[in-house]
């Protein structure tokens, strides 16, 4: 997901070189949404194995539900994430 949103950011940078008004409006969305979502996803693997990190990852999984093309991956991931073994790994009761 981090790579996807870094790609969205790159698309915004490329689109910024275009000149039409429609392209400029789209460019603004790409340049805001791309980094806004890429940074949290890129930071996720480096978080400590603490109870709050489990919730952080859960929120990122739920953000993945906003895209229909990600549903085939996010649904099984959510089902695995809610298992007691994963919760125990992160120190959650």
PDB file of N, CA and C in Angstrom:
ATOM      1  N   UNK A   1       0.832  -1.190   0.000  1.00  0.00           N
ATOM      2  CA  UNK A   1       0.000   0.000   0.000  1.00  0.00           C
ATOM      3  C   UNK A   1       0.875   1.252   0.000  1.00  0.00           C
ATOM      4  N   UNK A   2       2.009   1.207   0.704  1.00  0.00           N
ATOM      5  CA  UNK A   2       2.903   2.365   0.709  1.00  0.00           C
ATOM      6  C   UNK A   2       3.396   2.634  -0.709  1.00  0.00           C
ATOM      7  N   UNK A   3       3.761   1.579  -1.419  1.00  0.00           N
ATOM      8  CA  UNK A   3       4.227   1.761  -2.795  1.00  0.00           C
ATOM      9  C   UNK A   3       3.118   2.314  -3.687  1.00  0.00           C
ATOM     10  N   UNK A   4       1.914   1.859  -3.472  1.00  0.00           N
ATOM     11  CA  UNK A   4       0.774   2.368  -4.242  1.00  0.00           C
ATOM     12  C   UNK A   4       0.614   3.869  -4.033  1.00  0.00           C
ATOM     13  N   UNK A   5       0.660   4.309  -2.793  1.00  0.00           N
ATOM     14  CA  UNK A   5       0.454   5.727  -2.508  1.00  0.00           C
ATOM     15  C   UNK A   5       1.673   6.565  -2.868  1.00  0.00           C
ATOM     16  N   UNK A   6       2.868   5.983  -2.831  1.00  0.00           N
ATOM     17  CA  UNK A   6       4.023   6.712  -3.367  1.00  0.00           C
ATOM     18  C   UNK A   6       3.874   6.874  -4.873  1.00  0.00           C
ATOM     19  N   UNK A   7       3.282   5.870  -5.523  1.00  0.00           N
ATOM     20  CA  UNK A   7       2.989   5.985  -6.957  1.00  0.00           C
ATOM     21  C   UNK A   7       1.965   7.074  -7.246  1.00  0.00           C
ATOM     22  N   UNK A   8       0.956   7.186  -6.396  1.00  0.00           N
ATOM     23  CA  UNK A   8      -0.040   8.258  -6.544  1.00  0.00           C
ATOM     24  C   UNK A   8       0.651   9.617  -6.416  1.00  0.00           C
ATOM     25  N   UNK A   9       1.579   9.730  -5.480  1.00  0.00           N
ATOM     26  CA  UNK A   9       2.329  10.975  -5.321  1.00  0.00           C
ATOM     27  C   UNK A   9       3.143  11.272  -6.576  1.00  0.00           C
ATOM     28  N   UNK A  10       3.793  10.250  -7.113  1.00  0.00           N
ATOM     29  CA  UNK A  10       4.574  10.433  -8.343  1.00  0.00           C
ATOM     30  C   UNK A  10       3.677  10.854  -9.502  1.00  0.00           C
ATOM     31  N   UNK A  11       2.471  10.271  -9.578  1.00  0.00           N
ATOM     32  CA  UNK A  11       1.531  10.684 -10.627  1.00  0.00           C
ATOM     33  C   UNK A  11       1.168  12.152 -10.469  1.00  0.00           C
ATOM     34  N   UNK A  12       1.015  12.613  -9.246  1.00  0.00           N
ATOM     35  CA  UNK A  12       0.714  14.019  -8.997  1.00  0.00           C
ATOM     36  C   UNK A  12       1.842  14.921  -9.434  1.00  0.00           C
ATOM     37  N   UNK A  13       3.073  14.491  -9.193  1.00  0.00           N
ATOM     38  CA  UNK A  13       4.223  15.290  -9.614  1.00  0.00           C
ATOM     39  C   UNK A  13       4.300  15.355 -11.133  1.00  0.00           C
ATOM     40  N   UNK A  14       4.071  14.227 -11.795  1.00  0.00           N
ATOM     41  CA  UNK A  14       4.083  14.203 -13.261  1.00  0.00           C
ATOM     42  C   UNK A  14       2.943  15.048 -13.814  1.00  0.00           C
ATOM     43  N   UNK A  15       1.775  14.948 -13.206  1.00  0.00           N
ATOM     44  CA  UNK A  15       0.619  15.717 -13.675  1.00  0.00           C
ATOM     45  C   UNK A  15       0.808  17.211 -13.441  1.00  0.00           C
ATOM     46  N   UNK A  16       1.616  17.576 -12.460  1.00  0.00           N
ATOM     47  CA  UNK A  16       1.853  18.996 -12.180  1.00  0.00           C
ATOM     48  C   UNK A  16       2.563  19.673 -13.329  1.00  0.00           C
ATOM     49  N   UNK A  17       3.236  18.903 -14.134  1.00  0.00           N
ATOM     50  CA  UNK A  17       3.935  19.468 -15.292  1.00  0.00           C
ATOM     51  C   UNK A  17       2.994  19.775 -16.443  1.00  0.00           C
ATOM     52  N   UNK A  18       1.761  19.242 -16.386  1.00  0.00           N
ATOM     53  CA  UNK A  18       0.747  19.528 -17.406  1.00  0.00           C
ATOM     54  C   UNK A  18       0.183  20.921 -17.187  1.00  0.00           C
ATOM     55  N   UNK A  19      -0.672  21.386 -18.116  1.00  0.00           N
ATOM     56  CA  UNK A  19      -1.111  22.762 -18.014  1.00  0.00           C
ATOM     57  C   UNK A  19      -2.601  22.996 -17.870  1.00  0.00           C
ATOM     58  N   UNK A  20      -3.456  22.000 -18.060  1.00  0.00           N
ATOM     59  CA  UNK A  20      -4.884  22.270 -18.038  1.00  0.00           C
ATOM     60  C   UNK A  20      -5.400  22.444 -16.611  1.00  0.00           C
ATOM     61  N   UNK A  21      -6.544  23.146 -16.470  1.00  0.00           N
ATOM     62  CA  UNK A  21      -7.127  23.372 -15.138  1.00  0.00           C
ATOM     63  C   UNK A  21      -7.596  22.065 -14.512  1.00  0.00           C
ATOM     64  N   UNK A  22      -8.192  21.191 -15.322  1.00  0.00           N
ATOM     65  CA  UNK A  22      -8.661  19.908 -14.800  1.00  0.00           C
ATOM     66  C   UNK A  22      -7.488  19.115 -14.247  1.00  0.00           C
ATOM     67  N   UNK A  23      -6.390  19.118 -14.972  1.00  0.00           N
ATOM     68  CA  UNK A  23      -5.219  18.390 -14.523  1.00  0.00           C
ATOM     69  C   UNK A  23      -4.663  18.988 -13.236  1.00  0.00           C
ATOM     70  N   UNK A  24      -4.718  20.302 -13.092  1.00  0.00           N
ATOM     71  CA  UNK A  24      -4.213  20.940 -11.885  1.00  0.00           C
ATOM     72  C   UNK A  24      -5.058  20.580 -10.663  1.00  0.00           C
ATOM     73  N   UNK A  25      -6.375  20.467 -10.831  1.00  0.00           N
ATOM     74  CA  UNK A  25      -7.239  20.068  -9.717  1.00  0.00           C
ATOM     75  C   UNK A  25      -6.934  18.638  -9.291  1.00  0.00           C
ATOM     76  N   UNK A  26      -6.751  17.772 -10.258  1.00  0.00           N
ATOM     77  CA  UNK A  26      -6.425  16.374  -9.966  1.00  0.00           C
ATOM     78  C   UNK A  26      -5.038  16.273  -9.342  1.00  0.00           C
ATOM     79  N   UNK A  27      -4.133  17.094  -9.822  1.00  0.00           N
ATOM     80  CA  UNK A  27      -2.777  17.098  -9.291  1.00  0.00           C
ATOM     81  C   UNK A  27      -2.781  17.427  -7.808  1.00  0.00           C
ATOM     82  N   UNK A  28      -3.580  18.405  -7.411  1.00  0.00           N
ATOM     83  CA  UNK A  28      -3.663  18.775  -6.003  1.00  0.00           C
ATOM     84  C   UNK A  28      -4.135  17.625  -5.140  1.00  0.00           C
ATOM     85  N   UNK A  29      -5.107  16.882  -5.623  1.00  0.00           N
ATOM     86  CA  UNK A  29      -5.619  15.730  -4.865  1.00  0.00           C
ATOM     87  C   UNK A  29      -4.531  14.662  -4.744  1.00  0.00           C
ATOM     88  N   UNK A  30      -3.844  14.380  -5.828  1.00  0.00           N
ATOM     89  CA  UNK A  30      -2.780  13.377  -5.801  1.00  0.00           C
ATOM     90  C   UNK A  30      -1.652  13.784  -4.857  1.00  0.00           C
ATOM     91  N   UNK A  31      -1.298  15.069  -4.892  1.00  0.00           N
ATOM     92  CA  UNK A  31      -0.180  15.533  -4.071  1.00  0.00           C
ATOM     93  C   UNK A  31      -0.536  15.637  -2.589  1.00  0.00           C
ATOM     94  N   UNK A  32      -1.813  15.647  -2.266  1.00  0.00           N
ATOM     95  CA  UNK A  32      -2.223  15.670  -0.858  1.00  0.00           C
ATOM     96  C   UNK A  32      -2.470  14.255  -0.354  1.00  0.00           C
ATOM     97  N   UNK A  33      -3.262  13.481  -1.085  1.00  0.00           N
ATOM     98  CA  UNK A  33      -3.647  12.136  -0.639  1.00  0.00           C
ATOM     99  C   UNK A  33      -2.459  11.172  -0.674  1.00  0.00           C
ATOM    100  N   UNK A  34      -1.629  11.265  -1.693  1.00  0.00           N
ATOM    101  CA  UNK A  34      -0.498  10.348  -1.832  1.00  0.00           C
ATOM    102  C   UNK A  34       0.403  10.321  -0.604  1.00  0.00           C
ATOM    103  N   UNK A  35       1.031  11.443  -0.264  1.00  0.00           N
ATOM    104  CA  UNK A  35       1.917  11.424   0.912  1.00  0.00           C
ATOM    105  C   UNK A  35       1.161  11.219   2.220  1.00  0.00           C
ATOM    106  N   UNK A  36      -0.076  11.722   2.280  1.00  0.00           N
ATOM    107  CA  UNK A  36      -0.868  11.593   3.504  1.00  0.00           C
ATOM    108  C   UNK A  36      -1.084  10.121   3.870  1.00  0.00           C
ATOM    109  N   UNK A  37      -1.218   9.258   2.887  1.00  0.00           N
ATOM    110  CA  UNK A  37      -1.423   7.835   3.148  1.00  0.00           C
ATOM    111  C   UNK A  37      -0.144   7.007   3.003  1.00  0.00           C
ATOM    112  N   UNK A  38       0.800   7.463   2.200  1.00  0.00           N
ATOM    113  CA  UNK A  38       2.039   6.697   1.997  1.00  0.00           C
ATOM    114  C   UNK A  38       2.889   6.659   3.259  1.00  0.00           C
ATOM    115  N   UNK A  39       2.979   7.761   3.951  1.00  0.00           N
ATOM    116  CA  UNK A  39       3.850   7.836   5.132  1.00  0.00           C
ATOM    117  C   UNK A  39       3.389   6.893   6.249  1.00  0.00           C
ATOM    118  N   UNK A  40       2.095   6.872   6.608  1.00  0.00           N
ATOM    119  CA  UNK A  40       1.681   5.914   7.658  1.00  0.00           C
ATOM    120  C   UNK A  40       1.899   4.450   7.259  1.00  0.00           C
ATOM    121  N   UNK A  41       1.648   4.117   5.988  1.00  0.00           N
ATOM    122  CA  UNK A  41       1.863   2.739   5.550  1.00  0.00           C
ATOM    123  C   UNK A  41       3.345   2.400   5.545  1.00  0.00           C
ATOM    124  N   UNK A  42       4.196   3.340   5.158  1.00  0.00           N
ATOM    125  CA  UNK A  42       5.633   3.081   5.136  1.00  0.00           C
ATOM    126  C   UNK A  42       6.198   2.943   6.548  1.00  0.00           C
ATOM    127  N   UNK A  43       5.622   3.632   7.505  1.00  0.00           N
ATOM    128  CA  UNK A  43       6.110   3.568   8.886  1.00  0.00           C
ATOM    129  C   UNK A  43       5.656   2.302   9.602  1.00  0.00           C
ATOM    130  N   UNK A  44       4.587   1.679   9.163  1.00  0.00           N
ATOM    131  CA  UNK A  44       3.979   0.551   9.877  1.00  0.00           C
ATOM    132  C   UNK A  44       4.934  -0.605  10.170  1.00  0.00           C
ATOM    133  N   UNK A  45       5.772  -1.049   9.244  1.00  0.00           N
ATOM    134  CA  UNK A  45       6.636  -2.193   9.565  1.00  0.00           C
ATOM    135  C   UNK A  45       7.685  -1.904  10.645  1.00  0.00           C
ATOM    136  N   UNK A  46       7.946  -0.636  10.895  1.00  0.00           N
ATOM    137  CA  UNK A  46       8.998  -0.270  11.840  1.00  0.00           C
ATOM    138  C   UNK A  46       8.475   0.023  13.245  1.00  0.00           C
ATOM    139  N   UNK A  47       7.187  -0.139  13.449  1.00  0.00           N
ATOM    140  CA  UNK A  47       6.609   0.133  14.768  1.00  0.00           C
ATOM    141  C   UNK A  47       6.936  -0.991  15.743  1.00  0.00           C
ATOM    142  N   UNK A  48       7.026  -0.672  17.032  1.00  0.00           N
ATOM    143  CA  UNK A  48       7.278  -1.730  18.031  1.00  0.00           C
ATOM    144  C   UNK A  48       6.060  -2.634  18.176  1.00  0.00           C
ATOM    145  N   UNK A  49       6.286  -3.795  18.711  1.00  0.00           N
ATOM    146  CA  UNK A  49       5.197  -4.759  18.926  1.00  0.00           C
ATOM    147  C   UNK A  49       4.493  -4.439  20.238  1.00  0.00           C
ATOM    148  N   UNK A  50       3.745  -3.352  20.233  1.00  0.00           N
ATOM    149  CA  UNK A  50       3.015  -2.865  21.409  1.00  0.00           C
ATOM    150  C   UNK A  50       1.518  -2.909  21.109  1.00  0.00           C
ATOM    151  N   UNK A  51       0.668  -2.896  22.138  1.00  0.00           N
ATOM    152  CA  UNK A  51      -0.783  -2.935  21.910  1.00  0.00           C
ATOM    153  C   UNK A  51      -1.291  -1.791  21.030  1.00  0.00           C
ATOM    154  N   UNK A  52      -0.746  -0.593  21.179  1.00  0.00           N
ATOM    155  CA  UNK A  52      -1.208   0.520  20.347  1.00  0.00           C
ATOM    156  C   UNK A  52      -0.841   0.310  18.878  1.00  0.00           C
ATOM    157  N   UNK A  53       0.249  -0.406  18.602  1.00  0.00           N
ATOM    158  CA  UNK A  53       0.644  -0.668  17.212  1.00  0.00           C
ATOM    159  C   UNK A  53      -0.344  -1.620  16.536  1.00  0.00           C
ATOM    160  N   UNK A  54      -0.929  -2.543  17.314  1.00  0.00           N
ATOM    161  CA  UNK A  54      -1.942  -3.442  16.746  1.00  0.00           C
ATOM    162  C   UNK A  54      -3.131  -2.620  16.240  1.00  0.00           C
ATOM    163  N   UNK A  55      -3.537  -1.620  17.016  1.00  0.00           N
ATOM    164  CA  UNK A  55      -4.652  -0.753  16.612  1.00  0.00           C
ATOM    165  C   UNK A  55      -4.257   0.084  15.398  1.00  0.00           C
ATOM    166  N   UNK A  56      -3.039   0.587  15.376  1.00  0.00           N
ATOM    167  CA  UNK A  56      -2.533   1.363  14.240  1.00  0.00           C
ATOM    168  C   UNK A  56      -2.634   0.538  12.955  1.00  0.00           C
ATOM    169  N   UNK A  57      -2.163  -0.712  13.012  1.00  0.00           N
ATOM    170  CA  UNK A  57      -2.236  -1.592  11.851  1.00  0.00           C
ATOM    171  C   UNK A  57      -3.684  -1.901  11.472  1.00  0.00           C
ATOM    172  N   UNK A  58      -4.532  -2.079  12.469  1.00  0.00           N
ATOM    173  CA  UNK A  58      -5.953  -2.330  12.202  1.00  0.00           C
ATOM    174  C   UNK A  58      -6.580  -1.161  11.454  1.00  0.00           C
ATOM    175  N   UNK A  59      -6.248   0.044  11.852  1.00  0.00           N
ATOM    176  CA  UNK A  59      -6.769   1.227  11.156  1.00  0.00           C
ATOM    177  C   UNK A  59      -6.278   1.248   9.714  1.00  0.00           C
ATOM    178  N   UNK A  60      -5.015   0.907   9.482  1.00  0.00           N
ATOM    179  CA  UNK A  60      -4.497   0.876   8.114  1.00  0.00           C
ATOM    180  C   UNK A  60      -5.192  -0.200   7.279  1.00  0.00           C
ATOM    181  N   UNK A  61      -5.487  -1.343   7.892  1.00  0.00           N
ATOM    182  CA  UNK A  61      -6.232  -2.380   7.170  1.00  0.00           C
ATOM    183  C   UNK A  61      -7.607  -1.846   6.793  1.00  0.00           C
ATOM    184  N   UNK A  62      -8.256  -1.146   7.712  1.00  0.00           N
ATOM    185  CA  UNK A  62      -9.586  -0.587   7.434  1.00  0.00           C
ATOM    186  C   UNK A  62      -9.538   0.491   6.357  1.00  0.00           C
ATOM    187  N   UNK A  63      -8.467   1.234   6.281  1.00  0.00           N
ATOM    188  CA  UNK A  63      -8.305   2.216   5.193  1.00  0.00           C
ATOM    189  C   UNK A  63      -8.259   1.484   3.852  1.00  0.00           C
ATOM    190  N   UNK A  64      -7.682   0.298   3.841  1.00  0.00           N
ATOM    191  CA  UNK A  64      -7.650  -0.504   2.624  1.00  0.00           C
ATOM    192  C   UNK A  64      -9.035  -0.908   2.138  1.00  0.00           C
ATOM    193  N   UNK A  65     -10.009  -0.929   3.036  1.00  0.00           N
ATOM    194  CA  UNK A  65     -11.385  -1.262   2.656  1.00  0.00           C
ATOM    195  C   UNK A  65     -12.029  -0.177   1.799  1.00  0.00           C
ATOM    196  N   UNK A  66     -11.435   1.002   1.727  1.00  0.00           N
ATOM    197  CA  UNK A  66     -12.029   2.082   0.936  1.00  0.00           C
ATOM    198  C   UNK A  66     -11.839   1.875  -0.559  1.00  0.00           C
ATOM    199  N   UNK A  67     -10.996   0.946  -0.947  1.00  0.00           N
ATOM    200  CA  UNK A  67     -10.766   0.660  -2.359  1.00  0.00           C
ATOM    201  C   UNK A  67     -11.298  -0.726  -2.692  1.00  0.00           C
ATOM    202  N   UNK A  68     -12.173  -0.801  -3.662  1.00  0.00           N
ATOM    203  CA  UNK A  68     -12.780  -2.079  -4.041  1.00  0.00           C
ATOM    204  C   UNK A  68     -11.728  -3.055  -4.541  1.00  0.00           C
ATOM    205  N   UNK A  69     -10.708  -2.556  -5.225  1.00  0.00           N
ATOM    206  CA  UNK A  69      -9.690  -3.465  -5.763  1.00  0.00           C
ATOM    207  C   UNK A  69      -8.830  -4.079  -4.662  1.00  0.00           C
ATOM    208  N   UNK A  70      -8.819  -3.497  -3.474  1.00  0.00           N
ATOM    209  CA  UNK A  70      -8.032  -4.039  -2.362  1.00  0.00           C
ATOM    210  C   UNK A  70      -8.826  -5.011  -1.504  1.00  0.00           C
ATOM    211  N   UNK A  71     -10.124  -5.091  -1.690  1.00  0.00           N
ATOM    212  CA  UNK A  71     -10.962  -5.955  -0.853  1.00  0.00           C
ATOM    213  C   UNK A  71     -10.535  -7.423  -0.855  1.00  0.00           C
ATOM    214  N   UNK A  72     -10.142  -8.014  -1.998  1.00  0.00           N
ATOM    215  CA  UNK A  72      -9.729  -9.420  -1.949  1.00  0.00           C
ATOM    216  C   UNK A  72      -8.517  -9.667  -1.048  1.00  0.00           C
ATOM    217  N   UNK A  73      -7.744  -8.646  -0.778  1.00  0.00           N
ATOM    218  CA  UNK A  73      -6.597  -8.793   0.116  1.00  0.00           C
ATOM    219  C   UNK A  73      -6.907  -8.343   1.545  1.00  0.00           C
ATOM    220  N   UNK A  74      -7.707  -7.309   1.679  1.00  0.00           N
ATOM    221  CA  UNK A  74      -7.936  -6.765   3.014  1.00  0.00           C
ATOM    222  C   UNK A  74      -8.905  -7.608   3.848  1.00  0.00           C
ATOM    223  N   UNK A  75      -9.850  -8.264   3.215  1.00  0.00           N
ATOM    224  CA  UNK A  75     -10.791  -9.092   3.979  1.00  0.00           C
ATOM    225  C   UNK A  75     -10.070 -10.262   4.651  1.00  0.00           C
ATOM    226  N   UNK A  76      -9.283 -11.071   3.912  1.00  0.00           N
ATOM    227  CA  UNK A  76      -8.558 -12.151   4.606  1.00  0.00           C
ATOM    228  C   UNK A  76      -7.527 -11.616   5.607  1.00  0.00           C
ATOM    229  N   UNK A  77      -6.910 -10.483   5.284  1.00  0.00           N
ATOM    230  CA  UNK A  77      -5.950  -9.900   6.210  1.00  0.00           C
ATOM    231  C   UNK A  77      -6.626  -9.493   7.515  1.00  0.00           C
ATOM    232  N   UNK A  78      -7.807  -8.900   7.434  1.00  0.00           N
ATOM    233  CA  UNK A  78      -8.546  -8.522   8.635  1.00  0.00           C
ATOM    234  C   UNK A  78      -8.937  -9.746   9.450  1.00  0.00           C
ATOM    235  N   UNK A  79      -9.375 -10.801   8.781  1.00  0.00           N
ATOM    236  CA  UNK A  79      -9.752 -12.025   9.489  1.00  0.00           C
ATOM    237  C   UNK A  79      -8.558 -12.617  10.243  1.00  0.00           C
ATOM    238  N   UNK A  80      -7.389 -12.585   9.638  1.00  0.00           N
ATOM    239  CA  UNK A  80      -6.183 -13.074  10.315  1.00  0.00           C
ATOM    240  C   UNK A  80      -5.770 -12.137  11.441  1.00  0.00           C
ATOM    241  N   UNK A  81      -5.915 -10.837  11.208  1.00  0.00           N
ATOM    242  CA  UNK A  81      -5.479  -9.838  12.182  1.00  0.00           C
ATOM    243  C   UNK A  81      -6.267  -9.924  13.487  1.00  0.00           C
ATOM    244  N   UNK A  82      -7.511 -10.350  13.411  1.00  0.00           N
ATOM    245  CA  UNK A  82      -8.365 -10.421  14.595  1.00  0.00           C
ATOM    246  C   UNK A  82      -8.195 -11.709  15.398  1.00  0.00           C
ATOM    247  N   UNK A  83      -7.346 -12.602  14.938  1.00  0.00           N
ATOM    248  CA  UNK A  83      -7.127 -13.865  15.657  1.00  0.00           C
ATOM    249  C   UNK A  83      -6.356 -13.624  16.952  1.00  0.00           C
ATOM    250  N   UNK A  84      -6.618 -14.461  17.955  1.00  0.00           N
ATOM    251  CA  UNK A  84      -5.963 -14.291  19.265  1.00  0.00           C
ATOM    252  C   UNK A  84      -4.433 -14.366  19.212  1.00  0.00           C
ATOM    253  N   UNK A  85      -3.880 -15.171  18.318  1.00  0.00           N
ATOM    254  CA  UNK A  85      -2.418 -15.285  18.228  1.00  0.00           C
ATOM    255  C   UNK A  85      -1.770 -13.957  17.847  1.00  0.00           C
ATOM    256  N   UNK A  86      -2.374 -13.257  16.919  1.00  0.00           N
ATOM    257  CA  UNK A  86      -1.826 -11.969  16.487  1.00  0.00           C
ATOM    258  C   UNK A  86      -1.971 -10.943  17.608  1.00  0.00           C
ATOM    259  N   UNK A  87      -3.111 -10.938  18.253  1.00  0.00           N
ATOM    260  CA  UNK A  87      -3.312 -10.020  19.377  1.00  0.00           C
ATOM    261  C   UNK A  87      -2.294 -10.288  20.483  1.00  0.00           C
ATOM    262  N   UNK A  88      -2.072 -11.551  20.775  1.00  0.00           N
ATOM    263  CA  UNK A  88      -1.114 -11.920  21.813  1.00  0.00           C
ATOM    264  C   UNK A  88       0.301 -11.470  21.435  1.00  0.00           C
ATOM    265  N   UNK A  89       0.655 -11.582  20.157  1.00  0.00           N
ATOM    266  CA  UNK A  89       1.967 -11.164  19.678  1.00  0.00           C
ATOM    267  C   UNK A  89       2.208  -9.671  19.949  1.00  0.00           C
ATOM    268  N   UNK A  90       1.147  -8.887  19.848  1.00  0.00           N
ATOM    269  CA  UNK A  90       1.247  -7.449  20.092  1.00  0.00           C
ATOM    270  C   UNK A  90       0.973  -7.078  21.558  1.00  0.00           C
ATOM    271  N   UNK A  91       0.742  -8.070  22.402  1.00  0.00           N
ATOM    272  CA  UNK A  91       0.538  -7.814  23.820  1.00  0.00           C
ATOM    273  C   UNK A  91      -0.863  -7.341  24.175  1.00  0.00           C
ATOM    274  N   UNK A  92      -1.819  -7.647  23.323  1.00  0.00           N
ATOM    275  CA  UNK A  92      -3.209  -7.284  23.606  1.00  0.00           C
ATOM    276  C   UNK A  92      -3.900  -8.432  24.319  1.00  0.00           C
ATOM    277  N   UNK A  93      -4.826  -8.109  25.229  1.00  0.00           N
ATOM    278  CA  UNK A  93      -5.536  -9.184  25.953  1.00  0.00           C
ATOM    279  C   UNK A  93      -6.526  -9.929  25.071  1.00  0.00           C
TER     280      UNK A  93
END
